[in-house]
Amino acid sequence: MPEALIFYLFSGLAIVASAFVIGQRNPMYSVLLLVLSFAAVAGLFVQLDAPFLALALMIVYAGAIMVLFLFVVMLLNAPHEDTEEDLERGVPPPSSGRVKVFGALLAIVLVVELIGVVVASRRAPIAFAAPAVSSVAAIGRTLFTDYAFPFEVTSVLILVALVGAIVLARRESGEGI
């Protein structure tokens, strides 16, 4: 297969899966489609000769973060994004006019920014610096020496989010007893 065809296949899959992520009403399908989108982006990284980034994306995001999201969604038992509590509090459903206008404005801002980036990139070519790290061992050494504290803070933050989700779900089920 030509490389261009593989690129178009992976990029098209990533775009379509990402569009379906935000278009789904069921959060379970949304999480699974996000994993598919990550897999397509990992395929693009492999094609760019960056297998470490592809592996890190699949292990960290698809393997850990998405499992955490899936666990929280299943634990909270959120079948749809429109709950009765949201409707009682007056939160407008996604099909309301205000939400659609806000979404359209954000889409226009995104398109303007993309056009600006494309125009700016055509004016002056971007010169990339030489790679600062040459091996996976050097990346690991740097991650666990220079960036050990941010790495551990991130893991504690994820653990706190998981415990918070469990506490919220437990409180809801314990109120009826």
N, C-alpha and C. Protein backbone atom coordinates (compact mmCIF):
# COMPACT_ATOMS: atom_id res chain seq x y z
N MET A 1 0.84 -1.20 0.00
CA MET A 1 0.00 0.00 0.00
C MET A 1 0.88 1.25 0.00
N PRO A 2 0.54 2.21 -0.81
CA PRO A 2 1.31 3.46 -0.78
C PRO A 2 1.15 4.18 0.56
N GLU A 3 2.21 4.88 0.93
CA GLU A 3 2.19 5.58 2.22
C GLU A 3 1.10 6.64 2.29
N ALA A 4 0.83 7.31 1.19
CA ALA A 4 -0.20 8.35 1.18
C ALA A 4 -1.58 7.75 1.46
N LEU A 5 -1.83 6.57 0.91
CA LEU A 5 -3.12 5.92 1.13
C LEU A 5 -3.29 5.52 2.59
N ILE A 6 -2.23 5.02 3.20
CA ILE A 6 -2.27 4.66 4.62
C ILE A 6 -2.51 5.90 5.46
N PHE A 7 -1.83 7.01 5.11
CA PHE A 7 -2.03 8.26 5.84
C PHE A 7 -3.49 8.71 5.75
N TYR A 8 -4.04 8.70 4.55
CA TYR A 8 -5.43 9.13 4.39
C TYR A 8 -6.40 8.20 5.11
N LEU A 9 -6.09 6.92 5.15
CA LEU A 9 -6.94 5.97 5.85
C LEU A 9 -6.95 6.25 7.35
N PHE A 10 -5.76 6.39 7.94
CA PHE A 10 -5.68 6.64 9.38
C PHE A 10 -6.24 8.02 9.75
N SER A 11 -5.92 9.04 8.94
CA SER A 11 -6.41 10.37 9.29
C SER A 11 -7.93 10.45 9.12
N GLY A 12 -8.46 9.82 8.08
CA GLY A 12 -9.91 9.81 7.91
C GLY A 12 -10.60 9.07 9.04
N LEU A 13 -10.02 7.94 9.47
CA LEU A 13 -10.58 7.20 10.59
C LEU A 13 -10.55 8.02 11.87
N ALA A 14 -9.45 8.75 12.10
CA ALA A 14 -9.34 9.58 13.30
C ALA A 14 -10.38 10.71 13.27
N ILE A 15 -10.56 11.33 12.12
CA ILE A 15 -11.53 12.43 12.02
C ILE A 15 -12.95 11.93 12.20
N VAL A 16 -13.29 10.84 11.53
CA VAL A 16 -14.66 10.31 11.63
C VAL A 16 -14.95 9.82 13.05
N ALA A 17 -14.00 9.10 13.65
CA ALA A 17 -14.21 8.61 15.02
C ALA A 17 -14.33 9.78 15.99
N SER A 18 -13.53 10.82 15.81
CA SER A 18 -13.61 11.99 16.70
C SER A 18 -14.94 12.72 16.53
N ALA A 19 -15.43 12.80 15.31
CA ALA A 19 -16.73 13.43 15.09
C ALA A 19 -17.84 12.63 15.75
N PHE A 20 -17.75 11.30 15.68
CA PHE A 20 -18.76 10.47 16.33
C PHE A 20 -18.65 10.54 17.86
N VAL A 21 -17.44 10.80 18.38
CA VAL A 21 -17.27 10.92 19.84
C VAL A 21 -18.15 12.05 20.37
N ILE A 22 -18.11 13.18 19.69
CA ILE A 22 -18.89 14.32 20.19
C ILE A 22 -20.34 14.26 19.75
N GLY A 23 -20.66 13.38 18.83
CA GLY A 23 -22.03 13.27 18.34
C GLY A 23 -22.86 12.20 19.02
N GLN A 24 -22.23 11.38 19.84
CA GLN A 24 -22.95 10.29 20.49
C GLN A 24 -23.73 10.79 21.70
N ARG A 25 -24.89 10.21 21.90
CA ARG A 25 -25.66 10.53 23.10
C ARG A 25 -25.35 9.54 24.22
N ASN A 26 -24.85 8.38 23.86
CA ASN A 26 -24.51 7.38 24.87
C ASN A 26 -23.02 7.52 25.21
N PRO A 27 -22.68 7.81 26.47
CA PRO A 27 -21.27 8.02 26.82
C PRO A 27 -20.41 6.77 26.65
N MET A 28 -21.00 5.59 26.75
CA MET A 28 -20.21 4.36 26.57
C MET A 28 -19.67 4.28 25.14
N TYR A 29 -20.53 4.54 24.17
CA TYR A 29 -20.09 4.53 22.77
C TYR A 29 -19.08 5.63 22.52
N SER A 30 -19.27 6.76 23.18
CA SER A 30 -18.35 7.87 23.01
C SER A 30 -16.95 7.50 23.48
N VAL A 31 -16.85 6.83 24.62
CA VAL A 31 -15.55 6.41 25.15
C VAL A 31 -14.90 5.40 24.20
N LEU A 32 -15.66 4.45 23.72
CA LEU A 32 -15.10 3.44 22.83
C LEU A 32 -14.66 4.05 21.49
N LEU A 33 -15.41 5.02 20.99
CA LEU A 33 -15.00 5.69 19.76
C LEU A 33 -13.75 6.54 19.97
N LEU A 34 -13.58 7.07 21.18
CA LEU A 34 -12.37 7.83 21.48
C LEU A 34 -11.15 6.91 21.47
N VAL A 35 -11.31 5.68 21.95
CA VAL A 35 -10.22 4.71 21.88
C VAL A 35 -9.88 4.42 20.41
N LEU A 36 -10.89 4.29 19.56
CA LEU A 36 -10.66 4.08 18.13
C LEU A 36 -9.92 5.28 17.52
N SER A 37 -10.28 6.47 17.92
CA SER A 37 -9.59 7.66 17.43
C SER A 37 -8.13 7.66 17.87
N PHE A 38 -7.87 7.29 19.12
CA PHE A 38 -6.49 7.20 19.60
C PHE A 38 -5.71 6.15 18.81
N ALA A 39 -6.34 5.04 18.48
CA ALA A 39 -5.65 4.00 17.71
C ALA A 39 -5.29 4.52 16.32
N ALA A 40 -6.16 5.30 15.72
CA ALA A 40 -5.86 5.86 14.40
C ALA A 40 -4.71 6.86 14.48
N VAL A 41 -4.70 7.68 15.52
CA VAL A 41 -3.59 8.63 15.69
C VAL A 41 -2.29 7.88 15.97
N ALA A 42 -2.37 6.78 16.71
CA ALA A 42 -1.17 5.97 16.94
C ALA A 42 -0.65 5.40 15.62
N GLY A 43 -1.56 5.02 14.74
CA GLY A 43 -1.15 4.56 13.42
C GLY A 43 -0.44 5.65 12.64
N LEU A 44 -0.89 6.89 12.79
CA LEU A 44 -0.20 8.01 12.14
C LEU A 44 1.20 8.21 12.72
N PHE A 45 1.32 8.04 14.04
CA PHE A 45 2.65 8.16 14.67
C PHE A 45 3.59 7.08 14.16
N VAL A 46 3.09 5.87 14.00
CA VAL A 46 3.93 4.79 13.47
C VAL A 46 4.38 5.14 12.06
N GLN A 47 3.50 5.69 11.28
CA GLN A 47 3.87 6.06 9.91
C GLN A 47 4.90 7.18 9.89
N LEU A 48 4.91 8.02 10.92
CA LEU A 48 5.88 9.11 11.01
C LEU A 48 7.20 8.66 11.67
N ASP A 49 7.38 7.36 11.80
CA ASP A 49 8.57 6.79 12.44
C ASP A 49 8.72 7.25 13.89
N ALA A 50 7.62 7.28 14.61
CA ALA A 50 7.62 7.61 16.03
C ALA A 50 6.90 6.51 16.80
N PRO A 51 7.48 5.31 16.82
CA PRO A 51 6.78 4.20 17.48
C PRO A 51 6.65 4.39 18.98
N PHE A 52 7.58 5.11 19.60
CA PHE A 52 7.47 5.34 21.04
C PHE A 52 6.23 6.18 21.35
N LEU A 53 5.99 7.22 20.55
CA LEU A 53 4.79 8.04 20.77
C LEU A 53 3.52 7.24 20.55
N ALA A 54 3.53 6.37 19.55
CA ALA A 54 2.36 5.54 19.29
C ALA A 54 2.10 4.60 20.45
N LEU A 55 3.15 3.98 20.95
CA LEU A 55 3.02 3.06 22.07
C LEU A 55 2.60 3.80 23.34
N ALA A 56 3.19 4.97 23.57
CA ALA A 56 2.82 5.75 24.75
C ALA A 56 1.36 6.20 24.67
N LEU A 57 0.93 6.60 23.49
CA LEU A 57 -0.46 7.01 23.31
C LEU A 57 -1.41 5.86 23.62
N MET A 58 -1.10 4.69 23.11
CA MET A 58 -1.99 3.55 23.33
C MET A 58 -1.95 3.08 24.78
N ILE A 59 -0.78 3.08 25.40
CA ILE A 59 -0.69 2.60 26.79
C ILE A 59 -1.29 3.62 27.74
N VAL A 60 -0.88 4.87 27.61
CA VAL A 60 -1.31 5.88 28.58
C VAL A 60 -2.75 6.28 28.36
N TYR A 61 -3.11 6.67 27.14
CA TYR A 61 -4.45 7.17 26.92
C TYR A 61 -5.47 6.05 26.74
N ALA A 62 -5.25 5.20 25.77
CA ALA A 62 -6.23 4.15 25.52
C ALA A 62 -6.20 3.11 26.63
N GLY A 63 -5.04 2.84 27.17
CA GLY A 63 -4.93 1.80 28.18
C GLY A 63 -5.32 2.24 29.57
N ALA A 64 -4.97 3.44 29.96
CA ALA A 64 -5.20 3.87 31.34
C ALA A 64 -6.34 4.88 31.46
N ILE A 65 -6.21 5.99 30.77
CA ILE A 65 -7.19 7.06 30.91
C ILE A 65 -8.56 6.62 30.41
N MET A 66 -8.62 5.97 29.27
CA MET A 66 -9.92 5.54 28.74
C MET A 66 -10.56 4.45 29.59
N VAL A 67 -9.73 3.57 30.16
CA VAL A 67 -10.28 2.57 31.07
C VAL A 67 -10.85 3.28 32.30
N LEU A 68 -10.17 4.30 32.77
CA LEU A 68 -10.68 5.08 33.90
C LEU A 68 -12.00 5.76 33.53
N PHE A 69 -12.06 6.39 32.36
CA PHE A 69 -13.30 7.03 31.92
C PHE A 69 -14.42 6.00 31.79
N LEU A 70 -14.10 4.87 31.19
CA LEU A 70 -15.10 3.82 31.02
C LEU A 70 -15.59 3.32 32.38
N PHE A 71 -14.68 3.16 33.31
CA PHE A 71 -15.04 2.71 34.65
C PHE A 71 -15.95 3.73 35.34
N VAL A 72 -15.62 5.00 35.23
CA VAL A 72 -16.43 6.05 35.85
C VAL A 72 -17.81 6.11 35.20
N VAL A 73 -17.87 6.02 33.87
CA VAL A 73 -19.16 6.05 33.19
C VAL A 73 -20.01 4.87 33.61
N MET A 74 -19.40 3.69 33.69
CA MET A 74 -20.16 2.51 34.11
C MET A 74 -20.57 2.62 35.57
N LEU A 75 -19.68 3.17 36.41
CA LEU A 75 -19.97 3.28 37.83
C LEU A 75 -21.10 4.27 38.09
N LEU A 76 -21.09 5.37 37.37
CA LEU A 76 -22.14 6.37 37.55
C LEU A 76 -23.43 5.99 36.84
N ASN A 77 -23.35 4.98 35.96
CA ASN A 77 -24.52 4.49 35.24
C ASN A 77 -25.24 5.63 34.52
N ALA A 78 -24.48 6.37 33.73
CA ALA A 78 -25.03 7.50 32.99
C ALA A 78 -25.41 7.02 31.59
N PRO A 79 -26.67 6.67 31.36
CA PRO A 79 -27.04 6.16 30.05
C PRO A 79 -27.06 7.23 28.97
N HIS A 80 -27.43 8.46 29.33
CA HIS A 80 -27.49 9.56 28.36
C HIS A 80 -26.94 10.80 29.01
N GLU A 81 -26.61 11.78 28.19
CA GLU A 81 -26.08 13.01 28.75
C GLU A 81 -27.17 13.92 29.30
N ASP A 82 -28.42 13.76 28.88
CA ASP A 82 -29.53 14.55 29.41
C ASP A 82 -30.17 13.79 30.56
N THR A 83 -29.90 14.22 31.78
CA THR A 83 -30.50 13.55 32.93
C THR A 83 -31.68 14.37 33.44
N GLU A 84 -32.49 13.74 34.25
CA GLU A 84 -33.65 14.43 34.82
C GLU A 84 -33.20 15.58 35.72
N GLU A 85 -32.07 15.38 36.42
CA GLU A 85 -31.57 16.43 37.31
C GLU A 85 -31.17 17.67 36.52
N ASP A 86 -30.56 17.47 35.35
CA ASP A 86 -30.18 18.61 34.51
C ASP A 86 -31.42 19.37 34.05
N LEU A 87 -32.44 18.63 33.66
CA LEU A 87 -33.67 19.27 33.20
C LEU A 87 -34.36 20.01 34.33
N GLU A 88 -34.32 19.46 35.56
CA GLU A 88 -34.92 20.13 36.71
C GLU A 88 -34.17 21.40 37.08
N ARG A 89 -32.84 21.38 36.92
CA ARG A 89 -32.04 22.56 37.26
C ARG A 89 -32.09 23.63 36.18
N GLY A 90 -32.68 23.32 35.05
CA GLY A 90 -32.80 24.31 33.99
C GLY A 90 -31.63 24.31 33.03
N VAL A 91 -30.81 23.27 33.05
CA VAL A 91 -29.71 23.18 32.10
C VAL A 91 -30.31 22.90 30.72
N PRO A 92 -30.02 23.73 29.74
CA PRO A 92 -30.65 23.53 28.43
C PRO A 92 -30.14 22.25 27.77
N PRO A 93 -31.03 21.51 27.13
CA PRO A 93 -30.58 20.31 26.41
C PRO A 93 -29.75 20.71 25.19
N PRO A 94 -28.91 19.79 24.68
CA PRO A 94 -28.05 20.14 23.55
C PRO A 94 -28.82 20.55 22.30
N SER A 95 -30.09 20.22 22.23
CA SER A 95 -30.85 20.58 21.04
C SER A 95 -31.47 21.97 21.14
N SER A 96 -31.22 22.70 22.25
CA SER A 96 -31.81 24.03 22.39
C SER A 96 -31.07 25.03 21.52
N GLY A 97 -31.71 26.15 21.27
CA GLY A 97 -31.16 27.16 20.37
C GLY A 97 -29.90 27.80 20.89
N ARG A 98 -29.83 28.07 22.21
CA ARG A 98 -28.64 28.72 22.77
C ARG A 98 -27.41 27.85 22.62
N VAL A 99 -27.56 26.56 22.85
CA VAL A 99 -26.42 25.66 22.75
C VAL A 99 -25.95 25.55 21.30
N LYS A 100 -26.89 25.51 20.37
CA LYS A 100 -26.53 25.43 18.95
C LYS A 100 -25.81 26.69 18.50
N VAL A 101 -26.26 27.86 18.94
CA VAL A 101 -25.62 29.13 18.56
C VAL A 101 -24.20 29.17 19.14
N PHE A 102 -24.05 28.76 20.39
CA PHE A 102 -22.73 28.75 21.01
C PHE A 102 -21.80 27.78 20.28
N GLY A 103 -22.30 26.61 19.93
CA GLY A 103 -21.51 25.64 19.17
C GLY A 103 -21.11 26.17 17.81
N ALA A 104 -22.03 26.86 17.15
CA ALA A 104 -21.72 27.44 15.83
C ALA A 104 -20.66 28.52 15.95
N LEU A 105 -20.73 29.35 16.99
CA LEU A 105 -19.70 30.37 17.20
C LEU A 105 -18.34 29.75 17.45
N LEU A 106 -18.31 28.69 18.26
CA LEU A 106 -17.04 28.00 18.51
C LEU A 106 -16.49 27.37 17.23
N ALA A 107 -17.36 26.84 16.38
CA ALA A 107 -16.92 26.26 15.11
C ALA A 107 -16.34 27.34 14.21
N ILE A 108 -16.95 28.51 14.18
CA ILE A 108 -16.44 29.62 13.36
C ILE A 108 -15.07 30.06 13.87
N VAL A 109 -14.91 30.16 15.19
CA VAL A 109 -13.61 30.52 15.76
C VAL A 109 -12.55 29.50 15.38
N LEU A 110 -12.91 28.21 15.43
CA LEU A 110 -11.96 27.15 15.06
C LEU A 110 -11.55 27.27 13.61
N VAL A 111 -12.49 27.50 12.72
CA VAL A 111 -12.18 27.62 11.29
C VAL A 111 -11.29 28.84 11.05
N VAL A 112 -11.56 29.96 11.71
CA VAL A 112 -10.73 31.16 11.55
C VAL A 112 -9.31 30.89 12.03
N GLU A 113 -9.18 30.19 13.17
CA GLU A 113 -7.84 29.87 13.68
C GLU A 113 -7.11 28.93 12.73
N LEU A 114 -7.80 27.94 12.19
CA LEU A 114 -7.16 27.03 11.25
C LEU A 114 -6.69 27.74 10.00
N ILE A 115 -7.52 28.64 9.48
CA ILE A 115 -7.12 29.41 8.30
C ILE A 115 -5.91 30.28 8.63
N GLY A 116 -5.90 30.88 9.80
CA GLY A 116 -4.76 31.70 10.21
C GLY A 116 -3.47 30.90 10.32
N VAL A 117 -3.57 29.69 10.85
CA VAL A 117 -2.38 28.85 10.97
C VAL A 117 -1.87 28.43 9.59
N VAL A 118 -2.78 28.07 8.69
CA VAL A 118 -2.37 27.66 7.35
C VAL A 118 -1.72 28.83 6.62
N VAL A 119 -2.29 30.02 6.72
CA VAL A 119 -1.71 31.19 6.05
C VAL A 119 -0.34 31.52 6.64
N ALA A 120 -0.21 31.46 7.95
CA ALA A 120 1.07 31.76 8.59
C ALA A 120 2.12 30.72 8.25
N SER A 121 1.72 29.48 8.11
CA SER A 121 2.70 28.44 7.80
C SER A 121 3.18 28.53 6.36
N ARG A 122 2.39 29.10 5.50
CA ARG A 122 2.83 29.25 4.10
C ARG A 122 3.79 30.41 3.93
N ARG A 123 3.74 31.39 4.83
CA ARG A 123 4.63 32.54 4.74
C ARG A 123 6.06 32.16 5.07
N ALA A 124 6.25 31.50 6.22
CA ALA A 124 7.60 31.14 6.66
C ALA A 124 7.63 29.67 7.01
N PRO A 125 8.50 28.91 6.36
CA PRO A 125 8.58 27.50 6.71
C PRO A 125 9.10 27.32 8.13
N ILE A 126 8.62 26.29 8.77
CA ILE A 126 9.00 26.01 10.15
C ILE A 126 10.26 25.16 10.14
N ALA A 127 11.27 25.62 10.86
CA ALA A 127 12.50 24.85 10.98
C ALA A 127 12.48 24.12 12.32
N PHE A 128 12.54 22.82 12.25
CA PHE A 128 12.51 22.02 13.47
C PHE A 128 13.93 21.87 14.01
N ALA A 129 14.05 21.92 15.32
CA ALA A 129 15.35 21.75 15.96
C ALA A 129 15.72 20.27 15.94
N ALA A 130 16.97 20.02 16.15
CA ALA A 130 17.43 18.63 16.22
C ALA A 130 16.79 17.97 17.44
N PRO A 131 16.51 16.68 17.35
CA PRO A 131 15.88 16.02 18.48
C PRO A 131 16.77 16.08 19.72
N ALA A 132 16.16 16.42 20.85
CA ALA A 132 16.92 16.56 22.09
C ALA A 132 17.18 15.20 22.73
N VAL A 133 16.34 14.24 22.46
CA VAL A 133 16.49 12.92 23.06
C VAL A 133 16.62 11.90 21.93
N SER A 134 17.58 11.00 22.07
CA SER A 134 17.84 10.10 20.96
C SER A 134 17.35 8.67 21.19
N SER A 135 16.97 8.32 22.40
CA SER A 135 16.56 6.93 22.63
C SER A 135 15.43 6.87 23.65
N VAL A 136 14.78 5.74 23.66
CA VAL A 136 13.69 5.51 24.62
C VAL A 136 14.24 5.47 26.03
N ALA A 137 15.43 4.92 26.22
CA ALA A 137 16.04 4.87 27.55
C ALA A 137 16.29 6.28 28.08
N ALA A 138 16.72 7.19 27.20
CA ALA A 138 16.95 8.57 27.64
C ALA A 138 15.63 9.25 28.00
N ILE A 139 14.57 8.94 27.25
CA ILE A 139 13.26 9.51 27.59
C ILE A 139 12.81 9.01 28.96
N GLY A 140 12.93 7.71 29.20
CA GLY A 140 12.55 7.15 30.49
C GLY A 140 13.37 7.72 31.63
N ARG A 141 14.68 7.86 31.43
CA ARG A 141 15.54 8.42 32.45
C ARG A 141 15.13 9.86 32.77
N THR A 142 14.86 10.65 31.73
CA THR A 142 14.44 12.04 31.94
C THR A 142 13.09 12.11 32.63
N LEU A 143 12.16 11.24 32.22
CA LEU A 143 10.82 11.24 32.81
C LEU A 143 10.86 10.92 34.29
N PHE A 144 11.66 9.95 34.68
CA PHE A 144 11.66 9.52 36.08
C PHE A 144 12.72 10.19 36.93
N THR A 145 13.49 11.13 36.37
CA THR A 145 14.42 11.91 37.19
C THR A 145 14.00 13.38 37.20
N ASP A 146 14.05 14.03 36.05
CA ASP A 146 13.73 15.46 36.00
C ASP A 146 12.24 15.73 36.17
N TYR A 147 11.38 14.83 35.69
CA TYR A 147 9.94 15.06 35.72
C TYR A 147 9.22 14.06 36.62
N ALA A 148 9.89 13.57 37.64
CA ALA A 148 9.28 12.59 38.54
C ALA A 148 8.12 13.21 39.32
N PHE A 149 8.28 14.42 39.81
CA PHE A 149 7.22 15.05 40.59
C PHE A 149 5.96 15.30 39.76
N PRO A 150 6.02 15.92 38.57
CA PRO A 150 4.79 16.07 37.78
C PRO A 150 4.16 14.74 37.40
N PHE A 151 4.99 13.73 37.16
CA PHE A 151 4.48 12.40 36.83
C PHE A 151 3.68 11.83 38.00
N GLU A 152 4.19 11.96 39.20
CA GLU A 152 3.48 11.44 40.38
C GLU A 152 2.25 12.29 40.71
N VAL A 153 2.32 13.59 40.51
CA VAL A 153 1.15 14.45 40.75
C VAL A 153 0.02 14.06 39.81
N THR A 154 0.34 13.75 38.57
CA THR A 154 -0.68 13.32 37.62
C THR A 154 -1.33 12.02 38.07
N SER A 155 -0.54 11.08 38.55
CA SER A 155 -1.11 9.81 39.01
C SER A 155 -1.99 10.02 40.23
N VAL A 156 -1.60 10.90 41.14
CA VAL A 156 -2.43 11.18 42.32
C VAL A 156 -3.72 11.87 41.90
N LEU A 157 -3.65 12.77 40.93
CA LEU A 157 -4.84 13.45 40.43
C LEU A 157 -5.84 12.46 39.83
N ILE A 158 -5.34 11.50 39.06
CA ILE A 158 -6.21 10.48 38.49
C ILE A 158 -6.82 9.62 39.59
N LEU A 159 -6.03 9.28 40.60
CA LEU A 159 -6.54 8.49 41.72
C LEU A 159 -7.61 9.25 42.49
N VAL A 160 -7.42 10.54 42.71
CA VAL A 160 -8.43 11.35 43.40
C VAL A 160 -9.72 11.41 42.59
N ALA A 161 -9.61 11.54 41.26
CA ALA A 161 -10.81 11.57 40.41
C ALA A 161 -11.56 10.25 40.51
N LEU A 162 -10.84 9.15 40.54
CA LEU A 162 -11.48 7.83 40.65
C LEU A 162 -12.17 7.67 41.99
N VAL A 163 -11.50 8.06 43.08
CA VAL A 163 -12.11 7.96 44.40
C VAL A 163 -13.32 8.89 44.50
N GLY A 164 -13.23 10.08 43.93
CA GLY A 164 -14.38 10.99 43.92
C GLY A 164 -15.57 10.41 43.19
N ALA A 165 -15.33 9.77 42.07
CA ALA A 165 -16.43 9.14 41.33
C ALA A 165 -17.06 8.01 42.14
N ILE A 166 -16.24 7.25 42.83
CA ILE A 166 -16.78 6.16 43.66
C ILE A 166 -17.60 6.72 44.81
N VAL A 167 -17.12 7.78 45.43
CA VAL A 167 -17.86 8.39 46.54
C VAL A 167 -19.19 8.95 46.06
N LEU A 168 -19.19 9.63 44.91
CA LEU A 168 -20.44 10.16 44.36
C LEU A 168 -21.42 9.05 44.03
N ALA A 169 -20.95 7.99 43.43
CA ALA A 169 -21.84 6.89 43.07
C ALA A 169 -22.35 6.18 44.32
N ARG A 170 -21.52 6.02 45.31
CA ARG A 170 -21.90 5.35 46.55
C ARG A 170 -22.94 6.17 47.30
N ARG A 171 -22.78 7.47 47.32
CA ARG A 171 -23.72 8.33 48.02
C ARG A 171 -25.10 8.25 47.39
N GLU A 172 -25.16 8.20 46.05
CA GLU A 172 -26.44 8.11 45.36
C GLU A 172 -27.14 6.80 45.69
N SER A 173 -26.39 5.70 45.70
CA SER A 173 -27.03 4.40 45.96
C SER A 173 -27.34 4.23 47.43
N GLY A 174 -26.62 4.92 48.33
CA GLY A 174 -26.86 4.78 49.76
C GLY A 174 -28.01 5.63 50.27
N GLU A 175 -28.51 6.58 49.50
CA GLU A 175 -29.57 7.44 49.98
C GLU A 175 -30.91 6.70 50.12
N GLY A 176 -31.11 5.69 49.31
CA GLY A 176 -32.38 4.97 49.35
C GLY A 176 -32.48 3.99 50.51
N ILE A 177 -31.37 3.71 51.18
CA ILE A 177 -31.38 2.72 52.26
C ILE A 177 -31.86 3.33 53.55
